[in-house]
Amino acid sequence: MDSVARRAAGLLWALPVAGCGGVQSALDPAGGDATGIYRLTIVMTAGATLIFIVVTALLLYAIFAPPERRAWLGSRRTIVYGGLAFPVVTLSLLLPYGLLVMRDTDVPRPGALRIEVIGEQYWWRVRYPAEDGQAEFSTANELVVPIGRPITVSVTAADVIHSFWIPNFGGKIDMIPGRINRFNFTAERPGIYRGVCAEFCGDQHARMAFDVVALEPAAFASWRSTQAQPAPEPAIPFLARGGELFRAGGCGSCHVVRGTEANGRFGPDLTHVGSRRTIGAGQFPNNIGTLAGWVANVQHIKPGARMPSYGSFTGEDLRALAGYLESLK
């Protein structure tokens, strides 16, 4: 029975800790700014806990101690030291520390990689401007960044107010139509992190996420070079049929596939859609099955998205179309 109790107690202790790490947690910092905010959180939480314990202990003493032993609680010295000096000293120490953290957080750095992100209902348009002879290109629902290099993300919105938040790298920043805000961070370790919209923006707000993929500099350079290239030609007749269906279905009126006649600007850039980890703004793994399901019935999967469902495709046509999209890497 004792071993069962110990295991149960261990599980109870582990439950709150389990939510403190992972790909979407402010308590698992992966950058300098996020580390500073995390430390400030720890200091503030420790200070608040200490104050809570002291006040609770005094309250319990005042309630349960014999009257002759708690008379000192109402003395002038207790009020001056406990009610005046203690909070003044505590706040005088915490306030400068918080201001120092704020001063050093979200600061532009020289040589930063520039990325532009536009929030839309309910996905993220991502653009990498031309830099050092490297061509401009666009992607969607995914930020790929090199570790060790400062990043400056310029954010705005195309429709309603959104909020750009990557918990592992820092705080939130509003995305406001007609206004450009900037968010600065530096990824310090490779990994895949999750970002979300933290401002209610409509029916599918909870399904508006994105990946941040932090790569070694060499791997990032290779990725960027590939993304700037036009879409690859279909390698086999089955994929070529999918490309024809993409054109015949009018997909190119909303989506762009560089290197083809598809030049739509309304929806996400699909030039290298097959290289992305997820579809639907972080909702599903990217594979032929999920791509086919998304094309056929997007309004059932994500009601309110601005893409119509294409339920008229046969099963074979859907497989060919999804295969073509999956091949765009």
C-alpha atoms as a PDB file:
ATOM      1  CA  MET A   1       0.000   0.000   0.000  1.00  0.00           C
ATOM      2  CA  ASP A   2       2.870   2.369   0.790  1.00  0.00           C
ATOM      3  CA  SER A   3       4.411   1.839  -2.665  1.00  0.00           C
ATOM      4  CA  VAL A   4       1.065   2.623  -4.318  1.00  0.00           C
ATOM      5  CA  ALA A   5       0.768   5.804  -2.283  1.00  0.00           C
ATOM      6  CA  ARG A   6       4.293   6.821  -3.222  1.00  0.00           C
ATOM      7  CA  ARG A   7       3.595   6.247  -6.912  1.00  0.00           C
ATOM      8  CA  ALA A   8       0.367   8.247  -6.681  1.00  0.00           C
ATOM      9  CA  ALA A   9       2.148  11.102  -4.918  1.00  0.00           C
ATOM     10  CA  GLY A  10       4.870  11.073  -7.570  1.00  0.00           C
ATOM     11  CA  LEU A  11       2.247  11.254 -10.308  1.00  0.00           C
ATOM     12  CA  LEU A  12       0.551  14.211  -8.646  1.00  0.00           C
ATOM     13  CA  TRP A  13       3.868  16.044  -8.428  1.00  0.00           C
ATOM     14  CA  ALA A  14       4.632  15.234 -12.075  1.00  0.00           C
ATOM     15  CA  LEU A  15       1.330  16.499 -13.481  1.00  0.00           C
ATOM     16  CA  PRO A  16       1.969  20.225 -13.056  1.00  0.00           C
ATOM     17  CA  VAL A  17       5.586  19.830 -14.202  1.00  0.00           C
ATOM     18  CA  ALA A  18       4.494  18.050 -17.396  1.00  0.00           C
ATOM     19  CA  GLY A  19       2.913  21.247 -18.691  1.00  0.00           C
ATOM     20  CA  CYS A  20       6.088  23.302 -18.165  1.00  0.00           C
ATOM     21  CA  GLY A  21       8.062  22.006 -21.133  1.00  0.00           C
ATOM     22  CA  GLY A  22       7.664  21.199 -24.772  1.00  0.00           C
ATOM     23  CA  VAL A  23       7.084  22.922 -28.093  1.00  0.00           C
ATOM     24  CA  GLN A  24       4.641  25.540 -26.768  1.00  0.00           C
ATOM     25  CA  SER A  25       5.656  26.626 -23.298  1.00  0.00           C
ATOM     26  CA  ALA A  26       6.902  29.913 -21.884  1.00  0.00           C
ATOM     27  CA  LEU A  27       8.519  27.816 -19.133  1.00  0.00           C
ATOM     28  CA  ASP A  28      10.820  26.115 -21.641  1.00  0.00           C
ATOM     29  CA  PRO A  29      12.749  29.098 -23.062  1.00  0.00           C
ATOM     30  CA  ALA A  30      14.764  28.572 -26.239  1.00  0.00           C
ATOM     31  CA  GLY A  31      16.019  32.141 -26.655  1.00  0.00           C
ATOM     32  CA  GLY A  32      17.623  34.899 -24.618  1.00  0.00           C
ATOM     33  CA  ASP A  33      14.513  37.082 -24.319  1.00  0.00           C
ATOM     34  CA  ALA A  34      12.363  34.144 -23.285  1.00  0.00           C
ATOM     35  CA  THR A  35      14.986  33.163 -20.689  1.00  0.00           C
ATOM     36  CA  GLY A  36      14.889  36.661 -19.186  1.00  0.00           C
ATOM     37  CA  ILE A  37      11.080  36.568 -18.988  1.00  0.00           C
ATOM     38  CA  TYR A  38      11.241  33.083 -17.473  1.00  0.00           C
ATOM     39  CA  ARG A  39      13.656  34.214 -14.759  1.00  0.00           C
ATOM     40  CA  LEU A  40      11.477  37.230 -14.006  1.00  0.00           C
ATOM     41  CA  THR A  41       8.514  34.874 -13.677  1.00  0.00           C
ATOM     42  CA  ILE A  42      10.428  32.674 -11.233  1.00  0.00           C
ATOM     43  CA  VAL A  43      11.526  35.668  -9.123  1.00  0.00           C
ATOM     44  CA  MET A  44       8.023  37.164  -9.054  1.00  0.00           C
ATOM     45  CA  THR A  45       6.455  33.800  -8.253  1.00  0.00           C
ATOM     46  CA  ALA A  46       8.959  33.147  -5.451  1.00  0.00           C
ATOM     47  CA  GLY A  47       8.367  36.607  -3.999  1.00  0.00           C
ATOM     48  CA  ALA A  48       4.598  36.245  -4.189  1.00  0.00           C
ATOM     49  CA  THR A  49       4.791  32.785  -2.611  1.00  0.00           C
ATOM     50  CA  LEU A  50       6.927  34.070   0.247  1.00  0.00           C
ATOM     51  CA  ILE A  51       4.540  36.945   0.917  1.00  0.00           C
ATOM     52  CA  PHE A  52       1.571  34.571   0.772  1.00  0.00           C
ATOM     53  CA  ILE A  53       3.181  32.193   3.267  1.00  0.00           C
ATOM     54  CA  VAL A  54       4.070  35.001   5.696  1.00  0.00           C
ATOM     55  CA  VAL A  55       0.629  36.629   5.517  1.00  0.00           C
ATOM     56  CA  THR A  56      -1.157  33.286   5.863  1.00  0.00           C
ATOM     57  CA  ALA A  57       1.005  32.331   8.856  1.00  0.00           C
ATOM     58  CA  LEU A  58       0.244  35.638  10.562  1.00  0.00           C
ATOM     59  CA  LEU A  59      -3.464  35.242   9.810  1.00  0.00           C
ATOM     60  CA  LEU A  60      -3.559  31.748  11.274  1.00  0.00           C
ATOM     61  CA  TYR A  61      -1.592  32.949  14.322  1.00  0.00           C
ATOM     62  CA  ALA A  62      -4.045  35.804  14.846  1.00  0.00           C
ATOM     63  CA  ILE A  63      -6.992  33.394  14.661  1.00  0.00           C
ATOM     64  CA  PHE A  64      -5.751  30.481  16.735  1.00  0.00           C
ATOM     65  CA  ALA A  65      -3.117  31.821  19.137  1.00  0.00           C
ATOM     66  CA  PRO A  66      -4.187  32.665  22.718  1.00  0.00           C
ATOM     67  CA  PRO A  67      -5.177  36.341  23.114  1.00  0.00           C
ATOM     68  CA  GLU A  68      -2.269  37.137  25.431  1.00  0.00           C
ATOM     69  CA  ARG A  69       0.247  35.855  22.863  1.00  0.00           C
ATOM     70  CA  ARG A  70      -1.150  37.708  19.808  1.00  0.00           C
ATOM     71  CA  ALA A  71      -1.401  41.137  21.350  1.00  0.00           C
ATOM     72  CA  TRP A  72       1.852  42.158  19.610  1.00  0.00           C
ATOM     73  CA  LEU A  73       0.167  41.840  16.208  1.00  0.00           C
ATOM     74  CA  GLY A  74      -1.610  45.140  16.772  1.00  0.00           C
ATOM     75  CA  SER A  75       1.466  47.019  17.990  1.00  0.00           C
ATOM     76  CA  ARG A  76       2.831  50.101  16.243  1.00  0.00           C
ATOM     77  CA  ARG A  77       6.125  48.317  15.444  1.00  0.00           C
ATOM     78  CA  THR A  78       4.336  45.471  13.649  1.00  0.00           C
ATOM     79  CA  ILE A  79       2.346  47.888  11.496  1.00  0.00           C
ATOM     80  CA  VAL A  80       5.411  49.998  10.592  1.00  0.00           C
ATOM     81  CA  TYR A  81       7.678  47.039   9.798  1.00  0.00           C
ATOM     82  CA  GLY A  82       5.165  44.582   8.393  1.00  0.00           C
ATOM     83  CA  GLY A  83       2.652  46.899   6.779  1.00  0.00           C
ATOM     84  CA  LEU A  84       4.964  49.627   5.492  1.00  0.00           C
ATOM     85  CA  ALA A  85       8.659  48.706   5.421  1.00  0.00           C
ATOM     86  CA  PHE A  86       8.276  45.132   4.139  1.00  0.00           C
ATOM     87  CA  PRO A  87       6.163  45.920   1.008  1.00  0.00           C
ATOM     88  CA  VAL A  88       8.220  49.054   0.217  1.00  0.00           C
ATOM     89  CA  VAL A  89      11.509  47.150   0.348  1.00  0.00           C
ATOM     90  CA  THR A  90      10.128  44.172  -1.598  1.00  0.00           C
ATOM     91  CA  LEU A  91       8.635  46.284  -4.377  1.00  0.00           C
ATOM     92  CA  SER A  92      11.718  48.514  -4.507  1.00  0.00           C
ATOM     93  CA  LEU A  93      13.779  45.409  -5.318  1.00  0.00           C
ATOM     94  CA  LEU A  94      11.360  43.808  -7.763  1.00  0.00           C
ATOM     95  CA  LEU A  95      10.525  46.920  -9.790  1.00  0.00           C
ATOM     96  CA  PRO A  96      14.084  47.721 -11.003  1.00  0.00           C
ATOM     97  CA  TYR A  97      14.668  44.070 -11.873  1.00  0.00           C
ATOM     98  CA  GLY A  98      11.482  43.987 -13.947  1.00  0.00           C
ATOM     99  CA  LEU A  99      12.439  47.231 -15.698  1.00  0.00           C
ATOM    100  CA  LEU A 100      15.884  45.828 -16.549  1.00  0.00           C
ATOM    101  CA  VAL A 101      14.297  42.724 -18.080  1.00  0.00           C
ATOM    102  CA  MET A 102      11.897  44.894 -20.094  1.00  0.00           C
ATOM    103  CA  ARG A 103      14.777  47.072 -21.313  1.00  0.00           C
ATOM    104  CA  ASP A 104      16.717  44.081 -22.641  1.00  0.00           C
ATOM    105  CA  THR A 105      13.723  42.244 -24.162  1.00  0.00           C
ATOM    106  CA  ASP A 106      12.588  42.536 -27.782  1.00  0.00           C
ATOM    107  CA  VAL A 107      15.523  44.740 -28.780  1.00  0.00           C
ATOM    108  CA  PRO A 108      16.530  45.034 -32.476  1.00  0.00           C
ATOM    109  CA  ARG A 109      19.988  43.587 -33.154  1.00  0.00           C
ATOM    110  CA  PRO A 110      22.378  44.387 -36.019  1.00  0.00           C
ATOM    111  CA  GLY A 111      22.513  41.857 -38.835  1.00  0.00           C
ATOM    112  CA  ALA A 112      19.056  40.482 -38.076  1.00  0.00           C
ATOM    113  CA  LEU A 113      17.245  38.229 -40.530  1.00  0.00           C
ATOM    114  CA  ARG A 114      14.072  39.993 -41.661  1.00  0.00           C
ATOM    115  CA  ILE A 115      10.814  38.061 -41.967  1.00  0.00           C
ATOM    116  CA  GLU A 116       7.366  39.474 -42.724  1.00  0.00           C
ATOM    117  CA  VAL A 117       4.246  37.775 -41.361  1.00  0.00           C
ATOM    118  CA  ILE A 118       0.668  38.712 -42.206  1.00  0.00           C
ATOM    119  CA  GLY A 119      -2.152  37.258 -40.107  1.00  0.00           C
ATOM    120  CA  GLU A 120      -5.226  36.217 -42.074  1.00  0.00           C
ATOM    121  CA  GLN A 121      -8.389  34.312 -41.219  1.00  0.00           C
ATOM    122  CA  TYR A 122      -7.208  31.703 -40.331  1.00  0.00           C
ATOM    123  CA  TRP A 123      -3.617  31.232 -41.466  1.00  0.00           C
ATOM    124  CA  TRP A 124      -0.245  32.979 -41.652  1.00  0.00           C
ATOM    125  CA  ARG A 125       1.310  34.448 -44.790  1.00  0.00           C
ATOM    126  CA  VAL A 126       5.112  34.434 -44.400  1.00  0.00           C
ATOM    127  CA  ARG A 127       7.511  36.346 -46.642  1.00  0.00           C
ATOM    128  CA  TYR A 128      11.315  36.311 -46.704  1.00  0.00           C
ATOM    129  CA  PRO A 129      12.525  39.535 -48.396  1.00  0.00           C
ATOM    130  CA  ALA A 130      15.515  39.512 -50.749  1.00  0.00           C
ATOM    131  CA  GLU A 131      18.822  39.624 -48.893  1.00  0.00           C
ATOM    132  CA  ASP A 132      22.496  39.519 -49.963  1.00  0.00           C
ATOM    133  CA  GLY A 133      21.681  38.384 -53.475  1.00  0.00           C
ATOM    134  CA  GLN A 134      19.135  35.803 -52.314  1.00  0.00           C
ATOM    135  CA  ALA A 135      15.725  36.062 -53.947  1.00  0.00           C
ATOM    136  CA  GLU A 136      12.509  36.906 -52.135  1.00  0.00           C
ATOM    137  CA  PHE A 137      10.003  34.108 -51.615  1.00  0.00           C
ATOM    138  CA  SER A 138       6.844  33.371 -49.647  1.00  0.00           C
ATOM    139  CA  THR A 139       5.590  30.430 -47.657  1.00  0.00           C
ATOM    140  CA  ALA A 140       2.770  29.875 -45.159  1.00  0.00           C
ATOM    141  CA  ASN A 141       2.139  28.721 -41.598  1.00  0.00           C
ATOM    142  CA  GLU A 142       5.807  28.049 -40.938  1.00  0.00           C
ATOM    143  CA  LEU A 143       8.817  30.129 -39.886  1.00  0.00           C
ATOM    144  CA  VAL A 144      12.221  28.595 -40.513  1.00  0.00           C
ATOM    145  CA  VAL A 145      15.068  30.445 -38.766  1.00  0.00           C
ATOM    146  CA  PRO A 146      18.778  29.897 -38.163  1.00  0.00           C
ATOM    147  CA  ILE A 147      20.003  29.508 -34.597  1.00  0.00           C
ATOM    148  CA  GLY A 148      22.381  32.118 -33.237  1.00  0.00           C
ATOM    149  CA  ARG A 149      21.268  34.889 -35.607  1.00  0.00           C
ATOM    150  CA  PRO A 150      18.917  37.692 -34.488  1.00  0.00           C
ATOM    151  CA  ILE A 151      15.485  37.595 -36.111  1.00  0.00           C
ATOM    152  CA  THR A 152      13.211  40.590 -36.732  1.00  0.00           C
ATOM    153  CA  VAL A 153       9.645  39.656 -37.598  1.00  0.00           C
ATOM    154  CA  SER A 154       7.495  42.461 -39.021  1.00  0.00           C
ATOM    155  CA  VAL A 155       3.847  41.645 -38.373  1.00  0.00           C
ATOM    156  CA  THR A 156       0.542  43.036 -39.580  1.00  0.00           C
ATOM    157  CA  ALA A 157      -2.934  41.716 -40.374  1.00  0.00           C
ATOM    158  CA  ALA A 158      -5.002  41.572 -43.538  1.00  0.00           C
ATOM    159  CA  ASP A 159      -8.468  41.486 -41.984  1.00  0.00           C
ATOM    160  CA  VAL A 160      -8.963  41.630 -38.197  1.00  0.00           C
ATOM    161  CA  ILE A 161      -6.634  41.977 -35.214  1.00  0.00           C
ATOM    162  CA  HIS A 162      -4.535  38.873 -34.548  1.00  0.00           C
ATOM    163  CA  SER A 163      -1.775  38.311 -31.987  1.00  0.00           C
ATOM    164  CA  PHE A 164       1.578  36.721 -32.796  1.00  0.00           C
ATOM    165  CA  TRP A 165       2.992  34.590 -29.981  1.00  0.00           C
ATOM    166  CA  ILE A 166       5.830  32.061 -29.827  1.00  0.00           C
ATOM    167  CA  PRO A 167       5.952  31.142 -26.102  1.00  0.00           C
ATOM    168  CA  ASN A 168       9.426  29.597 -26.278  1.00  0.00           C
ATOM    169  CA  PHE A 169      10.930  32.801 -27.700  1.00  0.00           C
ATOM    170  CA  GLY A 170       9.209  35.690 -25.941  1.00  0.00           C
ATOM    171  CA  GLY A 171       6.046  37.676 -25.462  1.00  0.00           C
ATOM    172  CA  LYS A 172       3.021  38.416 -27.609  1.00  0.00           C
ATOM    173  CA  ILE A 173       2.689  41.209 -30.166  1.00  0.00           C
ATOM    174  CA  ASP A 174      -0.503  42.475 -31.798  1.00  0.00           C
ATOM    175  CA  MET A 175      -1.057  42.224 -35.545  1.00  0.00           C
ATOM    176  CA  ILE A 176      -3.209  45.215 -36.522  1.00  0.00           C
ATOM    177  CA  PRO A 177      -4.505  45.957 -40.035  1.00  0.00           C
ATOM    178  CA  GLY A 178      -2.724  48.987 -41.484  1.00  0.00           C
ATOM    179  CA  ARG A 179       0.021  48.966 -38.859  1.00  0.00           C
ATOM    180  CA  ILE A 180       3.394  47.193 -38.769  1.00  0.00           C
ATOM    181  CA  ASN A 181       4.761  45.996 -35.420  1.00  0.00           C
ATOM    182  CA  ARG A 182       8.071  44.233 -34.926  1.00  0.00           C
ATOM    183  CA  PHE A 183       9.072  41.293 -32.789  1.00  0.00           C
ATOM    184  CA  ASN A 184      12.747  40.478 -32.165  1.00  0.00           C
ATOM    185  CA  PHE A 185      14.241  37.226 -30.876  1.00  0.00           C
ATOM    186  CA  THR A 186      17.185  34.886 -31.283  1.00  0.00           C
ATOM    187  CA  ALA A 187      16.802  31.102 -31.327  1.00  0.00           C
ATOM    188  CA  GLU A 188      19.527  29.499 -29.259  1.00  0.00           C
ATOM    189  CA  ARG A 189      18.912  25.812 -29.866  1.00  0.00           C
ATOM    190  CA  PRO A 190      17.626  23.750 -32.806  1.00  0.00           C
ATOM    191  CA  GLY A 191      14.131  22.387 -32.588  1.00  0.00           C
ATOM    192  CA  ILE A 192      10.519  22.729 -33.641  1.00  0.00           C
ATOM    193  CA  TYR A 193       8.418  25.173 -31.647  1.00  0.00           C
ATOM    194  CA  ARG A 194       4.769  26.112 -31.876  1.00  0.00           C
ATOM    195  CA  GLY A 195       3.375  29.585 -32.320  1.00  0.00           C
ATOM    196  CA  VAL A 196      -0.265  30.580 -31.976  1.00  0.00           C
ATOM    197  CA  CYS A 197      -2.690  33.432 -32.449  1.00  0.00           C
ATOM    198  CA  ALA A 198      -3.348  34.812 -28.968  1.00  0.00           C
ATOM    199  CA  GLU A 199      -6.146  37.244 -29.906  1.00  0.00           C
ATOM    200  CA  PHE A 200      -9.662  36.022 -30.695  1.00  0.00           C
ATOM    201  CA  CYS A 201     -10.077  36.561 -34.424  1.00  0.00           C
ATOM    202  CA  GLY A 202     -13.141  34.542 -35.392  1.00  0.00           C
ATOM    203  CA  ASP A 203     -14.641  31.056 -35.464  1.00  0.00           C
ATOM    204  CA  GLN A 204     -11.370  29.224 -36.133  1.00  0.00           C
ATOM    205  CA  HIS A 205      -9.129  31.269 -33.833  1.00  0.00           C
ATOM    206  CA  ALA A 206      -8.230  28.157 -31.823  1.00  0.00           C
ATOM    207  CA  ARG A 207      -7.068  26.444 -35.029  1.00  0.00           C
ATOM    208  CA  MET A 208      -4.640  29.120 -36.114  1.00  0.00           C
ATOM    209  CA  ALA A 209      -1.156  27.936 -35.259  1.00  0.00           C
ATOM    210  CA  PHE A 210       2.222  27.758 -36.950  1.00  0.00           C
ATOM    211  CA  ASP A 211       5.586  26.030 -36.599  1.00  0.00           C
ATOM    212  CA  VAL A 212       8.898  27.693 -35.897  1.00  0.00           C
ATOM    213  CA  VAL A 213      11.702  25.447 -37.132  1.00  0.00           C
ATOM    214  CA  ALA A 214      15.127  26.472 -35.788  1.00  0.00           C
ATOM    215  CA  LEU A 215      17.977  25.065 -37.890  1.00  0.00           C
ATOM    216  CA  GLU A 216      21.734  25.137 -37.876  1.00  0.00           C
ATOM    217  CA  PRO A 217      22.974  27.997 -40.117  1.00  0.00           C
ATOM    218  CA  ALA A 218      24.139  25.668 -42.897  1.00  0.00           C
ATOM    219  CA  ALA A 219      20.838  23.789 -42.919  1.00  0.00           C
ATOM    220  CA  PHE A 220      18.923  27.086 -42.999  1.00  0.00           C
ATOM    221  CA  ALA A 221      20.993  28.341 -45.937  1.00  0.00           C
ATOM    222  CA  SER A 222      20.213  25.145 -47.845  1.00  0.00           C
ATOM    223  CA  TRP A 223      16.504  25.431 -47.017  1.00  0.00           C
ATOM    224  CA  ARG A 224      16.383  29.060 -48.119  1.00  0.00           C
ATOM    225  CA  SER A 225      18.107  28.297 -51.407  1.00  0.00           C
ATOM    226  CA  THR A 226      15.596  25.516 -52.142  1.00  0.00           C
ATOM    227  CA  GLN A 227      12.574  27.632 -51.210  1.00  0.00           C
ATOM    228  CA  ALA A 228      13.640  30.397 -53.601  1.00  0.00           C
ATOM    229  CA  GLN A 229      13.567  27.981 -56.540  1.00  0.00           C
ATOM    230  CA  PRO A 230      10.464  27.466 -58.731  1.00  0.00           C
ATOM    231  CA  ALA A 231       8.315  24.401 -58.213  1.00  0.00           C
ATOM    232  CA  PRO A 232       9.764  21.122 -59.513  1.00  0.00           C
ATOM    233  CA  GLU A 233       8.242  19.555 -62.607  1.00  0.00           C
ATOM    234  CA  PRO A 234       6.090  16.449 -61.999  1.00  0.00           C
ATOM    235  CA  ALA A 235       8.344  13.402 -62.087  1.00  0.00           C
ATOM    236  CA  ILE A 236       5.781  10.812 -63.225  1.00  0.00           C
ATOM    237  CA  PRO A 237       2.533  10.871 -65.298  1.00  0.00           C
ATOM    238  CA  PHE A 238       0.400  10.380 -62.162  1.00  0.00           C
ATOM    239  CA  LEU A 239       1.766  13.613 -60.666  1.00  0.00           C
ATOM    240  CA  ALA A 240       1.471  15.383 -64.012  1.00  0.00           C
ATOM    241  CA  ARG A 241      -2.226  14.489 -63.999  1.00  0.00           C
ATOM    242  CA  GLY A 242      -2.491  16.036 -60.545  1.00  0.00           C
ATOM    243  CA  GLY A 243      -0.907  19.214 -61.900  1.00  0.00           C
ATOM    244  CA  GLU A 244      -3.453  19.315 -64.711  1.00  0.00           C
ATOM    245  CA  LEU A 245      -6.285  18.903 -62.216  1.00  0.00           C
ATOM    246  CA  PHE A 246      -4.802  21.747 -60.152  1.00  0.00           C
ATOM    247  CA  ARG A 247      -4.966  24.009 -63.195  1.00  0.00           C
ATOM    248  CA  ALA A 248      -8.342  22.770 -64.457  1.00  0.00           C
ATOM    249  CA  GLY A 249      -9.915  23.157 -61.016  1.00  0.00           C
ATOM    250  CA  GLY A 250      -9.060  26.850 -60.900  1.00  0.00           C
ATOM    251  CA  CYS A 251      -6.703  26.456 -57.931  1.00  0.00           C
ATOM    252  CA  GLY A 252      -4.248  28.852 -59.577  1.00  0.00           C
ATOM    253  CA  SER A 253      -6.726  31.724 -59.270  1.00  0.00           C
ATOM    254  CA  CYS A 254      -6.145  31.768 -55.499  1.00  0.00           C
ATOM    255  CA  HIS A 255      -2.746  30.100 -55.092  1.00  0.00           C
ATOM    256  CA  VAL A 256       0.637  30.750 -56.637  1.00  0.00           C
ATOM    257  CA  VAL A 257       2.998  27.970 -57.712  1.00  0.00           C
ATOM    258  CA  ARG A 258       6.142  29.651 -58.982  1.00  0.00           C
ATOM    259  CA  GLY A 259       7.319  28.203 -62.276  1.00  0.00           C
ATOM    260  CA  THR A 260       3.750  27.541 -63.468  1.00  0.00           C
ATOM    261  CA  GLU A 261       0.926  29.751 -64.716  1.00  0.00           C
ATOM    262  CA  ALA A 262      -0.725  29.597 -61.251  1.00  0.00           C
ATOM    263  CA  ASN A 263      -0.331  33.137 -59.947  1.00  0.00           C
ATOM    264  CA  GLY A 264      -3.145  33.652 -57.440  1.00  0.00           C
ATOM    265  CA  ARG A 265      -2.441  35.878 -54.435  1.00  0.00           C
ATOM    266  CA  PHE A 266      -5.489  35.266 -52.280  1.00  0.00           C
ATOM    267  CA  GLY A 267      -4.451  31.992 -50.632  1.00  0.00           C
ATOM    268  CA  PRO A 268      -1.158  30.529 -49.391  1.00  0.00           C
ATOM    269  CA  ASP A 269       1.829  30.158 -51.710  1.00  0.00           C
ATOM    270  CA  LEU A 270       1.984  26.455 -52.650  1.00  0.00           C
ATOM    271  CA  THR A 271       5.296  26.451 -54.517  1.00  0.00           C
ATOM    272  CA  HIS A 272       6.916  24.174 -51.933  1.00  0.00           C
ATOM    273  CA  VAL A 273       3.867  23.126 -49.905  1.00  0.00           C
ATOM    274  CA  GLY A 274       5.088  19.511 -49.764  1.00  0.00           C
ATOM    275  CA  SER A 275       8.084  20.552 -47.648  1.00  0.00           C
ATOM    276  CA  ARG A 276       5.941  21.928 -44.814  1.00  0.00           C
ATOM    277  CA  ARG A 277       5.308  19.891 -41.709  1.00  0.00           C
ATOM    278  CA  THR A 278       1.586  20.614 -41.415  1.00  0.00           C
ATOM    279  CA  ILE A 279      -1.442  21.869 -43.319  1.00  0.00           C
ATOM    280  CA  GLY A 280      -4.444  23.879 -42.171  1.00  0.00           C
ATOM    281  CA  ALA A 281      -2.333  26.268 -40.050  1.00  0.00           C
ATOM    282  CA  GLY A 282      -0.790  23.604 -37.863  1.00  0.00           C
ATOM    283  CA  GLN A 283      -3.822  21.322 -37.651  1.00  0.00           C
ATOM    284  CA  PHE A 284      -2.800  18.170 -39.534  1.00  0.00           C
ATOM    285  CA  PRO A 285       0.424  16.430 -40.586  1.00  0.00           C
ATOM    286  CA  ASN A 286       1.275  17.082 -44.201  1.00  0.00           C
ATOM    287  CA  ASN A 287       0.770  13.953 -46.297  1.00  0.00           C
ATOM    288  CA  ILE A 288      -1.258  12.794 -49.279  1.00  0.00           C
ATOM    289  CA  GLY A 289      -4.178  11.610 -47.153  1.00  0.00           C
ATOM    290  CA  THR A 290      -4.622  14.845 -45.224  1.00  0.00           C
ATOM    291  CA  LEU A 291      -4.107  16.950 -48.362  1.00  0.00           C
ATOM    292  CA  ALA A 292      -6.837  15.008 -50.174  1.00  0.00           C
ATOM    293  CA  GLY A 293      -9.209  15.335 -47.215  1.00  0.00           C
ATOM    294  CA  TRP A 294      -8.509  19.051 -46.965  1.00  0.00           C
ATOM    295  CA  VAL A 295      -9.210  19.693 -50.661  1.00  0.00           C
ATOM    296  CA  ALA A 296     -12.388  17.612 -50.682  1.00  0.00           C
ATOM    297  CA  ASN A 297     -14.005  18.885 -47.496  1.00  0.00           C
ATOM    298  CA  VAL A 298     -12.203  21.874 -46.016  1.00  0.00           C
ATOM    299  CA  GLN A 299     -15.472  23.493 -44.880  1.00  0.00           C
ATOM    300  CA  HIS A 300     -16.256  20.458 -42.744  1.00  0.00           C
ATOM    301  CA  ILE A 301     -12.733  20.260 -41.324  1.00  0.00           C
ATOM    302  CA  LYS A 302     -12.308  24.003 -40.697  1.00  0.00           C
ATOM    303  CA  PRO A 303     -15.646  25.829 -41.081  1.00  0.00           C
ATOM    304  CA  GLY A 304     -15.218  29.489 -41.898  1.00  0.00           C
ATOM    305  CA  ALA A 305     -11.955  29.073 -43.802  1.00  0.00           C
ATOM    306  CA  ARG A 306     -12.041  31.041 -47.046  1.00  0.00           C
ATOM    307  CA  MET A 307     -11.342  28.037 -49.248  1.00  0.00           C
ATOM    308  CA  PRO A 308     -14.335  26.183 -50.738  1.00  0.00           C
ATOM    309  CA  SER A 309     -14.656  22.411 -50.546  1.00  0.00           C
ATOM    310  CA  TYR A 310     -14.042  20.527 -53.800  1.00  0.00           C
ATOM    311  CA  GLY A 311     -16.242  17.498 -53.276  1.00  0.00           C
ATOM    312  CA  SER A 312     -16.728  16.962 -57.010  1.00  0.00           C
ATOM    313  CA  PHE A 313     -13.332  15.283 -57.475  1.00  0.00           C
ATOM    314  CA  THR A 314     -13.354  11.508 -57.707  1.00  0.00           C
ATOM    315  CA  GLY A 315     -11.187   9.481 -55.364  1.00  0.00           C
ATOM    316  CA  GLU A 316      -8.579   8.879 -58.079  1.00  0.00           C
ATOM    317  CA  ASP A 317      -8.513  12.554 -58.986  1.00  0.00           C
ATOM    318  CA  LEU A 318      -8.069  13.516 -55.349  1.00  0.00           C
ATOM    319  CA  ARG A 319      -5.143  11.134 -54.976  1.00  0.00           C
ATOM    320  CA  ALA A 320      -3.479  12.557 -58.077  1.00  0.00           C
ATOM    321  CA  LEU A 321      -4.031  16.164 -56.982  1.00  0.00           C
ATOM    322  CA  ALA A 322      -2.843  15.481 -53.433  1.00  0.00           C
ATOM    323  CA  GLY A 323       0.149  13.576 -54.805  1.00  0.00           C
ATOM    324  CA  TYR A 324       1.092  16.541 -56.957  1.00  0.00           C
ATOM    325  CA  LEU A 325       0.859  18.947 -54.018  1.00  0.00           C
ATOM    326  CA  GLU A 326       2.854  16.592 -51.791  1.00  0.00           C
ATOM    327  CA  SER A 327       5.586  16.432 -54.470  1.00  0.00           C
ATOM    328  CA  LEU A 328       6.144  20.205 -54.351  1.00  0.00           C
ATOM    329  CA  LYS A 329       9.194  20.170 -52.086  1.00  0.00           C
END
